[in-house]
Protein backbone atom coordinates (compact mmCIF):
# COMPACT_ATOMS: atom_id res chain seq x y z
CA MET A 1 46.76 175.41 152.98
CA ILE A 2 44.37 172.45 153.07
CA GLY A 3 47.26 170.38 154.44
CA ALA A 4 47.72 172.75 157.36
CA ILE A 5 44.01 172.89 158.15
CA ALA A 6 43.65 169.10 157.87
CA GLY A 7 46.60 168.61 160.23
CA ASP A 8 45.01 170.97 162.73
CA ILE A 9 41.66 169.18 162.60
CA ILE A 10 43.20 165.71 162.83
CA GLY A 11 45.45 166.73 165.71
CA SER A 12 42.71 168.52 167.63
CA VAL A 13 41.59 165.46 169.60
CA TYR A 14 45.11 164.52 170.68
CA GLU A 15 46.27 167.88 172.05
CA HIS A 16 45.46 167.04 175.67
CA ARG A 17 45.39 163.27 175.15
CA PRO A 18 48.73 162.52 173.51
CA ILE A 19 49.18 159.34 171.53
CA ARG A 20 52.74 158.07 171.12
CA ASN A 21 52.30 155.92 168.03
CA LYS A 22 51.06 156.28 164.47
CA ASN A 23 48.17 153.83 164.73
CA PHE A 24 45.14 156.08 165.31
CA PRO A 25 42.06 157.10 163.33
CA LEU A 26 42.63 160.27 161.32
CA PHE A 27 39.16 161.60 162.06
CA ASP A 28 36.59 160.89 164.72
CA SER A 29 33.46 162.68 165.87
CA ARG A 30 35.45 164.93 168.24
CA CYS A 31 37.71 166.37 165.51
CA THR A 32 37.30 170.10 164.99
CA PHE A 33 39.21 173.06 163.63
CA THR A 34 41.13 175.12 166.19
CA ASP A 35 42.80 178.49 166.45
CA ASP A 36 45.49 177.26 164.05
CA SER A 37 42.93 176.94 161.23
CA VAL A 38 41.18 180.18 162.12
CA LEU A 39 44.41 182.15 161.97
CA THR A 40 45.57 180.39 158.80
CA VAL A 41 42.35 181.39 157.04
CA ALA A 42 42.52 184.91 158.47
CA ILE A 43 45.98 185.41 156.98
CA ALA A 44 44.78 183.98 153.66
CA LEU A 45 41.92 186.52 153.72
CA ALA A 46 44.39 189.35 154.31
CA ILE A 47 46.51 188.24 151.36
CA LEU A 48 43.48 187.83 149.08
CA SER A 49 41.87 191.14 150.04
CA LYS A 50 45.17 193.06 150.19
CA ARG A 51 44.37 194.48 153.59
CA SER A 52 46.22 194.32 156.87
CA TYR A 53 46.68 191.09 158.76
CA LEU A 54 45.26 192.84 161.80
CA GLU A 55 41.97 193.68 160.07
CA SER A 56 41.55 190.11 158.83
CA VAL A 57 42.42 188.49 162.16
CA ILE A 58 39.92 190.73 163.94
CA GLU A 59 37.19 190.05 161.34
CA ILE A 60 37.62 186.28 161.45
CA GLY A 61 38.08 186.26 165.23
CA ARG A 62 34.86 188.15 165.80
CA ARG A 63 32.91 185.76 163.50
CA PHE A 64 33.92 182.89 166.04
CA GLY A 65 32.81 185.00 168.98
CA TYR A 66 36.36 185.47 170.33
CA ASP A 67 36.43 188.09 173.09
CA LEU A 68 38.89 190.59 171.66
CA GLN A 69 37.93 193.40 174.02
CA ARG A 70 40.04 192.20 176.96
CA SER A 71 43.44 193.62 177.80
CA VAL A 72 46.68 191.80 178.48
CA GLU A 73 46.41 192.94 182.08
CA GLN A 74 43.03 191.21 182.37
CA ILE A 75 44.25 187.96 180.79
CA ARG A 76 47.63 187.58 182.46
CA PRO A 77 46.60 186.57 186.02
CA THR A 78 44.77 183.41 184.97
CA TYR A 79 46.30 182.40 181.65
CA GLY A 80 48.20 179.10 181.32
CA PHE A 81 49.23 176.34 178.82
CA GLU A 82 52.20 177.57 176.85
CA ILE A 83 53.95 175.60 174.15
CA SER A 84 56.98 177.40 172.72
CA CYS A 85 57.81 177.58 169.03
CA GLN A 86 61.35 176.43 169.88
CA LYS A 87 59.88 173.10 170.95
CA THR A 88 57.22 172.88 168.24
CA VAL A 89 58.56 174.10 164.89
CA PRO A 90 61.71 171.91 164.70
CA GLU A 91 59.71 168.82 165.69
CA ALA A 92 57.09 169.58 163.03
CA ILE A 93 59.82 169.85 160.40
CA VAL A 94 61.34 166.53 161.50
CA ALA A 95 57.88 164.91 161.32
CA PHE A 96 57.83 165.95 157.65
CA LEU A 97 61.46 164.99 156.93
CA ASP A 98 60.84 161.54 158.38
CA SER A 99 57.72 160.91 156.25
CA VAL A 100 56.81 159.16 153.00
CA SER A 101 53.45 160.86 152.33
CA TYR A 102 51.10 163.59 153.50
CA GLU A 103 49.25 161.21 155.81
CA ASP A 104 52.50 159.80 157.20
CA THR A 105 53.66 163.35 157.99
CA VAL A 106 50.52 164.08 160.01
CA ARG A 107 50.75 160.74 161.81
CA ASN A 108 54.40 161.44 162.65
CA ALA A 109 53.56 164.88 164.04
CA ILE A 110 50.67 163.70 166.19
CA SER A 111 52.62 160.71 167.48
CA LEU A 112 55.09 163.11 169.10
CA GLY A 113 52.49 164.20 171.66
CA GLY A 114 52.48 167.75 172.97
CA ASP A 115 50.64 170.46 171.06
CA SER A 116 49.47 167.97 168.44
CA ASP A 117 47.10 170.24 166.52
CA THR A 118 49.81 172.86 166.02
CA LEU A 119 52.49 170.26 165.22
CA ALA A 120 50.23 168.62 162.63
CA CYS A 121 49.15 171.98 161.21
CA ILE A 122 52.75 173.06 160.59
CA ALA A 123 53.90 169.66 159.33
CA GLY A 124 50.75 169.23 157.21
CA GLY A 125 51.33 172.55 155.46
CA ILE A 126 54.90 171.58 154.62
CA ALA A 127 53.80 168.13 153.47
CA GLU A 128 51.11 169.52 151.17
CA ALA A 129 53.66 171.80 149.52
CA TYR A 130 56.14 168.94 149.07
CA TYR A 131 53.83 166.07 148.14
CA THR A 132 51.64 168.53 146.11
CA GLU A 133 48.33 167.18 147.35
CA VAL A 134 46.22 166.20 150.29
CA PRO A 135 44.39 162.90 149.69
CA PRO A 136 40.77 163.39 148.53
CA ASP A 137 39.26 161.64 151.57
CA ILE A 138 41.12 163.99 153.91
CA ARG A 139 40.10 167.03 151.82
CA ALA A 140 36.47 165.90 152.06
CA LYS A 141 36.66 165.70 155.87
CA VAL A 142 38.18 169.19 156.02
CA TRP A 143 35.26 170.48 153.96
CA GLU A 144 32.84 168.83 156.42
CA CYS A 145 34.58 170.29 159.49
CA LEU A 146 35.00 173.92 158.43
CA PRO A 147 32.17 176.45 158.58
CA SER A 148 31.19 177.52 155.07
CA PHE A 149 32.64 181.03 155.33
CA LEU A 150 36.08 179.61 156.28
CA TRP A 151 35.88 177.02 153.49
CA LYS A 152 34.98 179.71 150.91
CA ILE A 153 38.06 181.78 151.81
CA THR A 154 40.21 178.61 151.71
CA GLU A 155 38.79 177.65 148.32
CA VAL A 156 39.50 181.08 146.80
CA PHE A 157 43.00 181.18 148.30
CA CYS A 158 43.85 177.72 146.98
CA GLY A 159 42.46 178.61 143.57
CA VAL A 160 44.89 181.52 143.37
CA TYR A 161 47.97 180.27 145.22
CA CYS A 162 47.94 176.48 145.64
CA ALA A 163 49.17 173.74 143.31
CA SER A 164 45.77 172.05 143.30
CA GLU A 165 42.20 173.20 143.85
CA PRO A 166 40.57 172.41 147.22
CA GLY A 167 37.94 170.14 145.74
CA SER A 168 40.27 168.15 143.48
């Protein structure tokens, strides 16, 4: 879970400014969590609290001030920027398959361009499961970037379901 959130945060600055190589700083002052992290934590909350995904997504979404009162009809006329899963998920898997470490996975994913935060979130989650850890310096940056209530949910979830604790 930390791997997915870290990938999201690292990739956040490259989403609309693609970089086509692996030589970039993992974190800079513009890095932030995005919807990928928010929804990941919301699903973790649903699993931990044994309540519906819908309830958890609404609770977490409202805590970030998301406007959930609009209808599809209101959104549709002006909505844009679509990245399909058919062109994101396979590439994220290849970024992992072509890697030698957690960090290398995230660098591979971001270097593809496109929806870099989502690519790195997916690939980072796979990499954490395979390599069994996210490096401590990356974990520390995730802790700095997430609001405390998101970090607390992440910490509890990892304590129950992950191979290693979030702070280790």
